[in-house]
PDB file of all heavy atoms in Angstrom:
ATOM      1  N   ARG A   1     162.013  43.119 -43.105  1.00  0.00           N
ATOM      2  CA  ARG A   1     161.122  43.406 -44.240  1.00  0.00           C
ATOM      3  C   ARG A   1     159.659  43.586 -43.738  1.00  0.00           C
ATOM      4  O   ARG A   1     158.924  44.366 -44.310  1.00  0.00           O
ATOM      5  CB  ARG A   1     161.168  42.293 -45.277  1.00  0.00           C
ATOM      6  CG  ARG A   1     162.493  42.101 -45.926  1.00  0.00           C
ATOM      7  CD  ARG A   1     162.469  41.033 -47.029  1.00  0.00           C
ATOM      8  NE  ARG A   1     162.035  39.752 -46.516  1.00  0.00           N
ATOM      9  CZ  ARG A   1     160.819  39.201 -46.806  1.00  0.00           C
ATOM     10  NH1 ARG A   1     159.954  39.798 -47.548  1.00  0.00           N
ATOM     11  NH2 ARG A   1     160.477  38.018 -46.273  1.00  0.00           N
ATOM     12  N   THR A   2     159.245  42.772 -42.803  1.00  0.00           N
ATOM     13  CA  THR A   2     157.844  42.759 -42.376  1.00  0.00           C
ATOM     14  C   THR A   2     157.728  43.560 -41.071  1.00  0.00           C
ATOM     15  O   THR A   2     158.657  43.680 -40.309  1.00  0.00           O
ATOM     16  CB  THR A   2     157.287  41.346 -42.158  1.00  0.00           C
ATOM     17  OG1 THR A   2     158.104  40.655 -41.248  1.00  0.00           O
ATOM     18  CG2 THR A   2     157.223  40.611 -43.502  1.00  0.00           C
ATOM     19  N   CYS A   3     156.504  44.018 -40.791  1.00  0.00           N
ATOM     20  CA  CYS A   3     156.234  44.805 -39.575  1.00  0.00           C
ATOM     21  C   CYS A   3     155.484  43.943 -38.563  1.00  0.00           C
ATOM     22  O   CYS A   3     154.560  43.230 -38.964  1.00  0.00           O
ATOM     23  CB  CYS A   3     155.434  46.046 -39.910  1.00  0.00           C
ATOM     24  SG  CYS A   3     156.328  47.191 -41.014  1.00  0.00           S
ATOM     25  N   VAL A   4     155.870  44.048 -37.324  1.00  0.00           N
ATOM     26  CA  VAL A   4     155.182  43.325 -36.230  1.00  0.00           C
ATOM     27  C   VAL A   4     154.581  44.342 -35.296  1.00  0.00           C
ATOM     28  O   VAL A   4     155.061  45.440 -35.125  1.00  0.00           O
ATOM     29  CB  VAL A   4     156.111  42.340 -35.516  1.00  0.00           C
ATOM     30  CG1 VAL A   4     156.564  41.230 -36.402  1.00  0.00           C
ATOM     31  CG2 VAL A   4     157.302  43.083 -34.928  1.00  0.00           C
ATOM     32  N   ASP A   5     153.482  43.920 -34.677  1.00  0.00           N
ATOM     33  CA  ASP A   5     152.730  44.828 -33.819  1.00  0.00           C
ATOM     34  C   ASP A   5     153.431  44.998 -32.497  1.00  0.00           C
ATOM     35  O   ASP A   5     154.036  44.095 -31.933  1.00  0.00           O
ATOM     36  CB  ASP A   5     151.334  44.175 -33.572  1.00  0.00           C
ATOM     37  CG  ASP A   5     150.474  45.047 -32.682  1.00  0.00           C
ATOM     38  OD1 ASP A   5     150.302  46.275 -33.045  1.00  0.00           O
ATOM     39  OD2 ASP A   5     149.942  44.537 -31.703  1.00  0.00           O
ATOM     40  N   ILE A   6     153.327  46.252 -32.002  1.00  0.00           N
ATOM     41  CA  ILE A   6     153.781  46.544 -30.606  1.00  0.00           C
ATOM     42  C   ILE A   6     152.487  46.604 -29.748  1.00  0.00           C
ATOM     43  O   ILE A   6     151.566  47.328 -30.112  1.00  0.00           O
ATOM     44  CB  ILE A   6     154.466  47.947 -30.577  1.00  0.00           C
ATOM     45  CG1 ILE A   6     155.743  47.893 -31.399  1.00  0.00           C
ATOM     46  CG2 ILE A   6     154.766  48.320 -29.103  1.00  0.00           C
ATOM     47  CD1 ILE A   6     156.393  49.279 -31.591  1.00  0.00           C
ATOM     48  N   ASP A   7     152.433  45.867 -28.703  1.00  0.00           N
ATOM     49  CA  ASP A   7     151.198  45.841 -27.815  1.00  0.00           C
ATOM     50  C   ASP A   7     151.381  46.993 -26.862  1.00  0.00           C
ATOM     51  O   ASP A   7     152.033  46.897 -25.811  1.00  0.00           O
ATOM     52  CB  ASP A   7     151.131  44.520 -27.093  1.00  0.00           C
ATOM     53  CG  ASP A   7     149.828  44.381 -26.310  1.00  0.00           C
ATOM     54  OD1 ASP A   7     149.193  45.447 -26.025  1.00  0.00           O
ATOM     55  OD2 ASP A   7     149.433  43.256 -25.953  1.00  0.00           O
ATOM     56  N   GLU A   8     150.773  48.159 -27.206  1.00  0.00           N
ATOM     57  CA  GLU A   8     150.850  49.347 -26.380  1.00  0.00           C
ATOM     58  C   GLU A   8     150.239  49.148 -25.034  1.00  0.00           C
ATOM     59  O   GLU A   8     150.633  49.757 -24.042  1.00  0.00           O
ATOM     60  CB  GLU A   8     150.145  50.553 -27.073  1.00  0.00           C
ATOM     61  CG  GLU A   8     150.774  50.997 -28.362  1.00  0.00           C
ATOM     62  CD  GLU A   8     150.276  50.249 -29.579  1.00  0.00           C
ATOM     63  OE1 GLU A   8     149.504  49.283 -29.443  1.00  0.00           O
ATOM     64  OE2 GLU A   8     150.723  50.660 -30.655  1.00  0.00           O
ATOM     65  N   CYS A   9     149.247  48.273 -24.992  1.00  0.00           N
ATOM     66  CA  CYS A   9     148.585  48.011 -23.656  1.00  0.00           C
ATOM     67  C   CYS A   9     149.513  47.303 -22.713  1.00  0.00           C
ATOM     68  O   CYS A   9     149.581  47.615 -21.507  1.00  0.00           O
ATOM     69  CB  CYS A   9     147.301  47.150 -23.886  1.00  0.00           C
ATOM     70  SG  CYS A   9     146.103  47.929 -24.989  1.00  0.00           S
ATOM     71  N   ALA A  10     150.256  46.299 -23.209  1.00  0.00           N
ATOM     72  CA  ALA A  10     151.189  45.519 -22.364  1.00  0.00           C
ATOM     73  C   ALA A  10     152.427  46.325 -22.028  1.00  0.00           C
ATOM     74  O   ALA A  10     152.992  46.147 -20.933  1.00  0.00           O
ATOM     75  CB  ALA A  10     151.533  44.225 -23.076  1.00  0.00           C
ATOM     76  N   THR A  11     152.888  47.187 -22.911  1.00  0.00           N
ATOM     77  CA  THR A  11     154.155  47.940 -22.686  1.00  0.00           C
ATOM     78  C   THR A  11     153.911  49.223 -21.851  1.00  0.00           C
ATOM     79  O   THR A  11     154.888  49.843 -21.431  1.00  0.00           O
ATOM     80  CB  THR A  11     154.791  48.380 -24.019  1.00  0.00           C
ATOM     81  OG1 THR A  11     153.870  49.192 -24.757  1.00  0.00           O
ATOM     82  CG2 THR A  11     155.196  47.125 -24.829  1.00  0.00           C
ATOM     83  N   GLY A  12     152.620  49.553 -21.624  1.00  0.00           N
ATOM     84  CA  GLY A  12     152.323  50.782 -20.854  1.00  0.00           C
ATOM     85  C   GLY A  12     152.419  52.061 -21.647  1.00  0.00           C
ATOM     86  O   GLY A  12     152.359  53.122 -21.069  1.00  0.00           O
ATOM     87  N   ARG A  13     152.523  51.982 -22.959  1.00  0.00           N
ATOM     88  CA  ARG A  13     152.549  53.168 -23.820  1.00  0.00           C
ATOM     89  C   ARG A  13     151.173  53.851 -23.898  1.00  0.00           C
ATOM     90  O   ARG A  13     151.102  55.011 -24.196  1.00  0.00           O
ATOM     91  CB  ARG A  13     152.994  52.798 -25.269  1.00  0.00           C
ATOM     92  CG  ARG A  13     154.425  52.532 -25.404  1.00  0.00           C
ATOM     93  CD  ARG A  13     154.679  52.261 -26.885  1.00  0.00           C
ATOM     94  NE  ARG A  13     156.112  52.119 -27.183  1.00  0.00           N
ATOM     95  CZ  ARG A  13     156.616  51.946 -28.365  1.00  0.00           C
ATOM     96  NH1 ARG A  13     155.769  51.872 -29.412  1.00  0.00           N
ATOM     97  NH2 ARG A  13     157.889  51.825 -28.520  1.00  0.00           N
ATOM     98  N   ALA A  14     150.101  53.064 -23.695  1.00  0.00           N
ATOM     99  CA  ALA A  14     148.767  53.582 -23.879  1.00  0.00           C
ATOM    100  C   ALA A  14     148.253  54.141 -22.549  1.00  0.00           C
ATOM    101  O   ALA A  14     148.410  53.496 -21.504  1.00  0.00           O
ATOM    102  CB  ALA A  14     147.867  52.467 -24.375  1.00  0.00           C
ATOM    103  N   LEU A  15     147.609  55.317 -22.589  1.00  0.00           N
ATOM    104  CA  LEU A  15     146.978  55.813 -21.452  1.00  0.00           C
ATOM    105  C   LEU A  15     145.513  56.040 -21.771  1.00  0.00           C
ATOM    106  O   LEU A  15     145.169  56.779 -22.709  1.00  0.00           O
ATOM    107  CB  LEU A  15     147.622  57.159 -21.092  1.00  0.00           C
ATOM    108  CG  LEU A  15     149.045  57.108 -20.553  1.00  0.00           C
ATOM    109  CD1 LEU A  15     149.611  58.502 -20.363  1.00  0.00           C
ATOM    110  CD2 LEU A  15     149.102  56.312 -19.229  1.00  0.00           C
ATOM    111  N   CYS A  16     144.636  55.381 -21.078  1.00  0.00           N
ATOM    112  CA  CYS A  16     143.183  55.476 -21.348  1.00  0.00           C
ATOM    113  C   CYS A  16     142.541  56.328 -20.248  1.00  0.00           C
ATOM    114  O   CYS A  16     142.915  56.301 -19.086  1.00  0.00           O
ATOM    115  CB  CYS A  16     142.555  54.115 -21.418  1.00  0.00           C
ATOM    116  SG  CYS A  16     143.058  53.164 -22.866  1.00  0.00           S
ATOM    117  N   PRO A  17     141.507  57.162 -20.669  1.00  0.00           N
ATOM    118  CA  PRO A  17     140.782  57.933 -19.669  1.00  0.00           C
ATOM    119  C   PRO A  17     140.036  57.101 -18.666  1.00  0.00           C
ATOM    120  O   PRO A  17     139.919  55.900 -18.807  1.00  0.00           O
ATOM    121  CB  PRO A  17     139.795  58.745 -20.518  1.00  0.00           C
ATOM    122  CG  PRO A  17     140.211  58.565 -21.954  1.00  0.00           C
ATOM    123  CD  PRO A  17     141.010  57.318 -22.027  1.00  0.00           C
ATOM    124  N   ARG A  18     139.454  57.811 -17.683  1.00  0.00           N
ATOM    125  CA  ARG A  18     138.734  57.110 -16.590  1.00  0.00           C
ATOM    126  C   ARG A  18     137.592  56.212 -17.150  1.00  0.00           C
ATOM    127  O   ARG A  18     136.930  56.660 -18.112  1.00  0.00           O
ATOM    128  CB  ARG A  18     138.136  58.219 -15.697  1.00  0.00           C
ATOM    129  CG  ARG A  18     137.546  57.685 -14.434  1.00  0.00           C
ATOM    130  CD  ARG A  18     137.223  58.849 -13.520  1.00  0.00           C
ATOM    131  NE  ARG A  18     136.645  58.350 -12.320  1.00  0.00           N
ATOM    132  CZ  ARG A  18     135.610  58.887 -11.708  1.00  0.00           C
ATOM    133  NH1 ARG A  18     135.086  60.001 -12.159  1.00  0.00           N
ATOM    134  NH2 ARG A  18     135.133  58.372 -10.601  1.00  0.00           N
ATOM    135  N   PHE A  19     137.368  55.100 -16.515  1.00  0.00           N
ATOM    136  CA  PHE A  19     136.325  54.148 -16.896  1.00  0.00           C
ATOM    137  C   PHE A  19     136.543  53.436 -18.243  1.00  0.00           C
ATOM    138  O   PHE A  19     135.659  52.913 -18.868  1.00  0.00           O
ATOM    139  CB  PHE A  19     134.899  54.754 -16.835  1.00  0.00           C
ATOM    140  CG  PHE A  19     134.556  55.364 -15.559  1.00  0.00           C
ATOM    141  CD1 PHE A  19     134.134  56.679 -15.490  1.00  0.00           C
ATOM    142  CD2 PHE A  19     134.653  54.628 -14.342  1.00  0.00           C
ATOM    143  CE1 PHE A  19     133.767  57.258 -14.261  1.00  0.00           C
ATOM    144  CE2 PHE A  19     134.304  55.233 -13.128  1.00  0.00           C
ATOM    145  CZ  PHE A  19     133.840  56.565 -13.113  1.00  0.00           C
ATOM    146  N   ARG A  20     137.814  53.505 -18.740  1.00  0.00           N
ATOM    147  CA  ARG A  20     138.132  52.799 -19.992  1.00  0.00           C
ATOM    148  C   ARG A  20     139.356  51.877 -19.805  1.00  0.00           C
ATOM    149  O   ARG A  20     140.191  52.140 -18.935  1.00  0.00           O
ATOM    150  CB  ARG A  20     138.408  53.857 -21.112  1.00  0.00           C
ATOM    151  CG  ARG A  20     137.279  54.670 -21.480  1.00  0.00           C
ATOM    152  CD  ARG A  20     137.593  55.511 -22.666  1.00  0.00           C
ATOM    153  NE  ARG A  20     136.648  56.619 -22.833  1.00  0.00           N
ATOM    154  CZ  ARG A  20     136.591  57.352 -23.896  1.00  0.00           C
ATOM    155  NH1 ARG A  20     137.434  57.194 -24.893  1.00  0.00           N
ATOM    156  NH2 ARG A  20     135.705  58.327 -23.947  1.00  0.00           N
ATOM    157  N   HIS A  21     139.423  50.881 -20.619  1.00  0.00           N
ATOM    158  CA  HIS A  21     140.571  49.978 -20.615  1.00  0.00           C
ATOM    159  C   HIS A  21     141.127  49.875 -22.000  1.00  0.00           C
ATOM    160  O   HIS A  21     140.465  50.086 -22.981  1.00  0.00           O
ATOM    161  CB  HIS A  21     140.199  48.613 -20.021  1.00  0.00           C
ATOM    162  CG  HIS A  21     139.202  47.859 -20.846  1.00  0.00           C
ATOM    163  ND1 HIS A  21     137.831  48.076 -20.767  1.00  0.00           N
ATOM    164  CD2 HIS A  21     139.317  46.876 -21.804  1.00  0.00           C
ATOM    165  CE1 HIS A  21     137.211  47.345 -21.602  1.00  0.00           C
ATOM    166  NE2 HIS A  21     138.082  46.579 -22.235  1.00  0.00           N
ATOM    167  N   CYS A  22     142.412  49.521 -22.072  1.00  0.00           N
ATOM    168  CA  CYS A  22     143.161  49.444 -23.324  1.00  0.00           C
ATOM    169  C   CYS A  22     142.873  48.140 -24.019  1.00  0.00           C
ATOM    170  O   CYS A  22     142.899  47.098 -23.434  1.00  0.00           O
ATOM    171  CB  CYS A  22     144.605  49.640 -23.051  1.00  0.00           C
ATOM    172  SG  CYS A  22     145.684  49.662 -24.524  1.00  0.00           S
ATOM    173  N   VAL A  23     142.686  48.199 -25.367  1.00  0.00           N
ATOM    174  CA  VAL A  23     142.524  47.013 -26.197  1.00  0.00           C
ATOM    175  C   VAL A  23     143.468  47.203 -27.379  1.00  0.00           C
ATOM    176  O   VAL A  23     143.436  48.166 -28.125  1.00  0.00           O
ATOM    177  CB  VAL A  23     141.058  46.871 -26.727  1.00  0.00           C
ATOM    178  CG1 VAL A  23     140.973  45.663 -27.707  1.00  0.00           C
ATOM    179  CG2 VAL A  23     140.084  46.780 -25.581  1.00  0.00           C
ATOM    180  N   ASN A  24     144.429  46.247 -27.515  1.00  0.00           N
ATOM    181  CA  ASN A  24     145.420  46.337 -28.553  1.00  0.00           C
ATOM    182  C   ASN A  24     144.865  46.061 -29.908  1.00  0.00           C
ATOM    183  O   ASN A  24     143.928  45.225 -30.026  1.00  0.00           O
ATOM    184  CB  ASN A  24     146.587  45.389 -28.312  1.00  0.00           C
ATOM    185  CG  ASN A  24     147.786  45.610 -29.217  1.00  0.00           C
ATOM    186  OD1 ASN A  24     148.240  46.708 -29.369  1.00  0.00           O
ATOM    187  ND2 ASN A  24     148.195  44.545 -29.899  1.00  0.00           N
ATOM    188  N   THR A  25     145.223  46.810 -30.921  1.00  0.00           N
ATOM    189  CA  THR A  25     144.877  46.551 -32.340  1.00  0.00           C
ATOM    190  C   THR A  25     146.157  46.491 -33.130  1.00  0.00           C
ATOM    191  O   THR A  25     147.209  46.880 -32.628  1.00  0.00           O
ATOM    192  CB  THR A  25     143.958  47.610 -32.941  1.00  0.00           C
ATOM    193  OG1 THR A  25     144.678  48.841 -32.906  1.00  0.00           O
ATOM    194  CG2 THR A  25     142.678  47.726 -32.136  1.00  0.00           C
ATOM    195  N   PHE A  26     146.122  45.981 -34.376  1.00  0.00           N
ATOM    196  CA  PHE A  26     147.353  45.905 -35.185  1.00  0.00           C
ATOM    197  C   PHE A  26     147.767  47.295 -35.519  1.00  0.00           C
ATOM    198  O   PHE A  26     147.099  48.037 -36.203  1.00  0.00           O
ATOM    199  CB  PHE A  26     147.107  45.096 -36.447  1.00  0.00           C
ATOM    200  CG  PHE A  26     148.368  44.832 -37.246  1.00  0.00           C
ATOM    201  CD1 PHE A  26     149.311  43.935 -36.798  1.00  0.00           C
ATOM    202  CD2 PHE A  26     148.629  45.587 -38.385  1.00  0.00           C
ATOM    203  CE1 PHE A  26     150.502  43.691 -37.503  1.00  0.00           C
ATOM    204  CE2 PHE A  26     149.794  45.382 -39.134  1.00  0.00           C
ATOM    205  CZ  PHE A  26     150.701  44.433 -38.675  1.00  0.00           C
ATOM    206  N   GLY A  27     148.941  47.697 -35.011  1.00  0.00           N
ATOM    207  CA  GLY A  27     149.524  48.999 -35.259  1.00  0.00           C
ATOM    208  C   GLY A  27     149.024  50.151 -34.365  1.00  0.00           C
ATOM    209  O   GLY A  27     149.500  51.262 -34.502  1.00  0.00           O
ATOM    210  N   SER A  28     148.085  49.863 -33.464  1.00  0.00           N
ATOM    211  CA  SER A  28     147.605  50.892 -32.620  1.00  0.00           C
ATOM    212  C   SER A  28     146.895  50.249 -31.386  1.00  0.00           C
ATOM    213  O   SER A  28     147.161  49.161 -31.001  1.00  0.00           O
ATOM    214  CB  SER A  28     146.631  51.821 -33.381  1.00  0.00           C
ATOM    215  OG  SER A  28     146.370  53.007 -32.627  1.00  0.00           O
ATOM    216  N   TYR A  29     145.971  51.010 -30.808  1.00  0.00           N
ATOM    217  CA  TYR A  29     145.145  50.528 -29.689  1.00  0.00           C
ATOM    218  C   TYR A  29     143.881  51.391 -29.622  1.00  0.00           C
ATOM    219  O   TYR A  29     143.825  52.478 -30.210  1.00  0.00           O
ATOM    220  CB  TYR A  29     145.908  50.568 -28.385  1.00  0.00           C
ATOM    221  CG  TYR A  29     146.197  51.973 -27.883  1.00  0.00           C
ATOM    222  CD1 TYR A  29     145.338  52.633 -26.999  1.00  0.00           C
ATOM    223  CD2 TYR A  29     147.332  52.624 -28.340  1.00  0.00           C
ATOM    224  CE1 TYR A  29     145.628  53.924 -26.561  1.00  0.00           C
ATOM    225  CE2 TYR A  29     147.628  53.949 -27.934  1.00  0.00           C
ATOM    226  CZ  TYR A  29     146.741  54.555 -27.035  1.00  0.00           C
ATOM    227  OH  TYR A  29     147.024  55.844 -26.609  1.00  0.00           O
ATOM    228  N   ILE A  30     142.877  50.883 -28.902  1.00  0.00           N
ATOM    229  CA  ILE A  30     141.677  51.702 -28.640  1.00  0.00           C
ATOM    230  C   ILE A  30     141.419  51.619 -27.124  1.00  0.00           C
ATOM    231  O   ILE A  30     141.845  50.673 -26.443  1.00  0.00           O
ATOM    232  CB  ILE A  30     140.457  51.196 -29.418  1.00  0.00           C
ATOM    233  CG1 ILE A  30     140.153  49.723 -29.125  1.00  0.00           C
ATOM    234  CG2 ILE A  30     140.594  51.455 -30.870  1.00  0.00           C
ATOM    235  CD1 ILE A  30     138.839  49.231 -29.652  1.00  0.00           C
ATOM    236  N   CYS A  31     140.723  52.597 -26.588  1.00  0.00           N
ATOM    237  CA  CYS A  31     140.300  52.656 -25.218  1.00  0.00           C
ATOM    238  C   CYS A  31     138.781  52.379 -25.162  1.00  0.00           C
ATOM    239  O   CYS A  31     138.034  53.161 -25.662  1.00  0.00           O
ATOM    240  CB  CYS A  31     140.585  54.029 -24.598  1.00  0.00           C
ATOM    241  SG  CYS A  31     142.355  54.353 -24.461  1.00  0.00           S
ATOM    242  N   ARG A  32     138.421  51.253 -24.606  1.00  0.00           N
ATOM    243  CA  ARG A  32     137.036  50.799 -24.643  1.00  0.00           C
ATOM    244  C   ARG A  32     136.462  51.013 -23.218  1.00  0.00           C
ATOM    245  O   ARG A  32     137.177  50.805 -22.222  1.00  0.00           O
ATOM    246  CB  ARG A  32     136.945  49.350 -25.039  1.00  0.00           C
ATOM    247  CG  ARG A  32     135.567  48.795 -25.243  1.00  0.00           C
ATOM    248  CD  ARG A  32     135.523  47.465 -25.865  1.00  0.00           C
ATOM    249  NE  ARG A  32     135.797  47.586 -27.285  1.00  0.00           N
ATOM    250  CZ  ARG A  32     136.334  46.665 -28.017  1.00  0.00           C
ATOM    251  NH1 ARG A  32     136.705  45.519 -27.532  1.00  0.00           N
ATOM    252  NH2 ARG A  32     136.537  46.845 -29.353  1.00  0.00           N
ATOM    253  N   CYS A  33     135.191  51.364 -23.168  1.00  0.00           N
ATOM    254  CA  CYS A  33     134.532  51.532 -21.854  1.00  0.00           C
ATOM    255  C   CYS A  33     134.513  50.208 -21.092  1.00  0.00           C
ATOM    256  O   CYS A  33     134.373  49.113 -21.639  1.00  0.00           O
ATOM    257  CB  CYS A  33     133.085  51.958 -22.003  1.00  0.00           C
ATOM    258  SG  CYS A  33     132.884  53.630 -22.694  1.00  0.00           S
ATOM    259  N   HIS A  34     134.714  50.310 -19.720  1.00  0.00           N
ATOM    260  CA  HIS A  34     134.582  49.185 -18.881  1.00  0.00           C
ATOM    261  C   HIS A  34     133.199  48.569 -18.975  1.00  0.00           C
ATOM    262  O   HIS A  34     132.269  49.273 -19.364  1.00  0.00           O
ATOM    263  CB  HIS A  34     134.871  49.538 -17.410  1.00  0.00           C
ATOM    264  CG  HIS A  34     136.248  49.928 -17.117  1.00  0.00           C
ATOM    265  ND1 HIS A  34     137.388  49.180 -17.440  1.00  0.00           N
ATOM    266  CD2 HIS A  34     136.793  50.995 -16.465  1.00  0.00           C
ATOM    267  CE1 HIS A  34     138.505  49.739 -17.025  1.00  0.00           C
ATOM    268  NE2 HIS A  34     138.134  50.877 -16.437  1.00  0.00           N
ATOM    269  N   LYS A  35     133.087  47.319 -18.593  1.00  0.00           N
ATOM    270  CA  LYS A  35     131.802  46.654 -18.536  1.00  0.00           C
ATOM    271  C   LYS A  35     130.925  47.448 -17.554  1.00  0.00           C
ATOM    272  O   LYS A  35     131.370  47.835 -16.496  1.00  0.00           O
ATOM    273  CB  LYS A  35     131.981  45.218 -18.084  1.00  0.00           C
ATOM    274  CG  LYS A  35     130.734  44.393 -18.137  1.00  0.00           C
ATOM    275  CD  LYS A  35     130.958  42.941 -17.727  1.00  0.00           C
ATOM    276  CE  LYS A  35     129.626  42.265 -17.925  1.00  0.00           C
ATOM    277  NZ  LYS A  35     129.347  41.182 -17.098  1.00  0.00           N
ATOM    278  N   GLY A  36     129.698  47.663 -17.914  1.00  0.00           N
ATOM    279  CA  GLY A  36     128.780  48.381 -17.104  1.00  0.00           C
ATOM    280  C   GLY A  36     128.746  49.907 -17.410  1.00  0.00           C
ATOM    281  O   GLY A  36     128.036  50.647 -16.728  1.00  0.00           O
ATOM    282  N   PHE A  37     129.528  50.291 -18.452  1.00  0.00           N
ATOM    283  CA  PHE A  37     129.522  51.665 -18.855  1.00  0.00           C
ATOM    284  C   PHE A  37     129.284  51.719 -20.375  1.00  0.00           C
ATOM    285  O   PHE A  37     129.609  50.835 -21.108  1.00  0.00           O
ATOM    286  CB  PHE A  37     130.909  52.307 -18.627  1.00  0.00           C
ATOM    287  CG  PHE A  37     131.174  52.510 -17.150  1.00  0.00           C
ATOM    288  CD1 PHE A  37     131.681  51.500 -16.349  1.00  0.00           C
ATOM    289  CD2 PHE A  37     130.933  53.739 -16.566  1.00  0.00           C
ATOM    290  CE1 PHE A  37     131.955  51.690 -15.004  1.00  0.00           C
ATOM    291  CE2 PHE A  37     131.196  53.973 -15.186  1.00  0.00           C
ATOM    292  CZ  PHE A  37     131.719  52.899 -14.431  1.00  0.00           C
ATOM    293  N   ASP A  38     128.650  52.807 -20.844  1.00  0.00           N
ATOM    294  CA  ASP A  38     128.348  53.055 -22.241  1.00  0.00           C
ATOM    295  C   ASP A  38     129.056  54.344 -22.714  1.00  0.00           C
ATOM    296  O   ASP A  38     129.106  55.310 -21.940  1.00  0.00           O
ATOM    297  CB  ASP A  38     126.865  53.195 -22.490  1.00  0.00           C
ATOM    298  CG  ASP A  38     126.194  51.876 -22.924  1.00  0.00           C
ATOM    299  OD1 ASP A  38     126.907  50.938 -23.323  1.00  0.00           O
ATOM    300  OD2 ASP A  38     124.969  51.822 -22.809  1.00  0.00           O
ATOM    301  N   LEU A  39     129.536  54.347 -23.917  1.00  0.00           N
ATOM    302  CA  LEU A  39     130.147  55.550 -24.460  1.00  0.00           C
ATOM    303  C   LEU A  39     129.035  56.466 -24.900  1.00  0.00           C
ATOM    304  O   LEU A  39     128.143  56.134 -25.721  1.00  0.00           O
ATOM    305  CB  LEU A  39     131.020  55.256 -25.682  1.00  0.00           C
ATOM    306  CG  LEU A  39     131.909  56.329 -26.224  1.00  0.00           C
ATOM    307  CD1 LEU A  39     132.872  56.789 -25.180  1.00  0.00           C
ATOM    308  CD2 LEU A  39     132.640  55.889 -27.442  1.00  0.00           C
ATOM    309  N   MET A  40     129.004  57.719 -24.352  1.00  0.00           N
ATOM    310  CA  MET A  40     127.957  58.694 -24.683  1.00  0.00           C
ATOM    311  C   MET A  40     128.600  60.039 -24.959  1.00  0.00           C
ATOM    312  O   MET A  40     129.704  60.328 -24.442  1.00  0.00           O
ATOM    313  CB  MET A  40     127.011  58.840 -23.515  1.00  0.00           C
ATOM    314  CG  MET A  40     126.246  57.604 -23.194  1.00  0.00           C
ATOM    315  SD  MET A  40     125.111  57.936 -21.831  1.00  0.00           S
ATOM    316  CE  MET A  40     124.031  56.557 -21.928  1.00  0.00           C
TER     317      MET A  40
END
């Protein structure tokens, strides 16, 4: 009946561009810039 989150970062489903790392969210994920980098 209820939905549980799939951690795309841990399962390898997520592919993030260069200088970004995967951050899991409920129902999805985001690619956040590594420390020392800014999104421009």
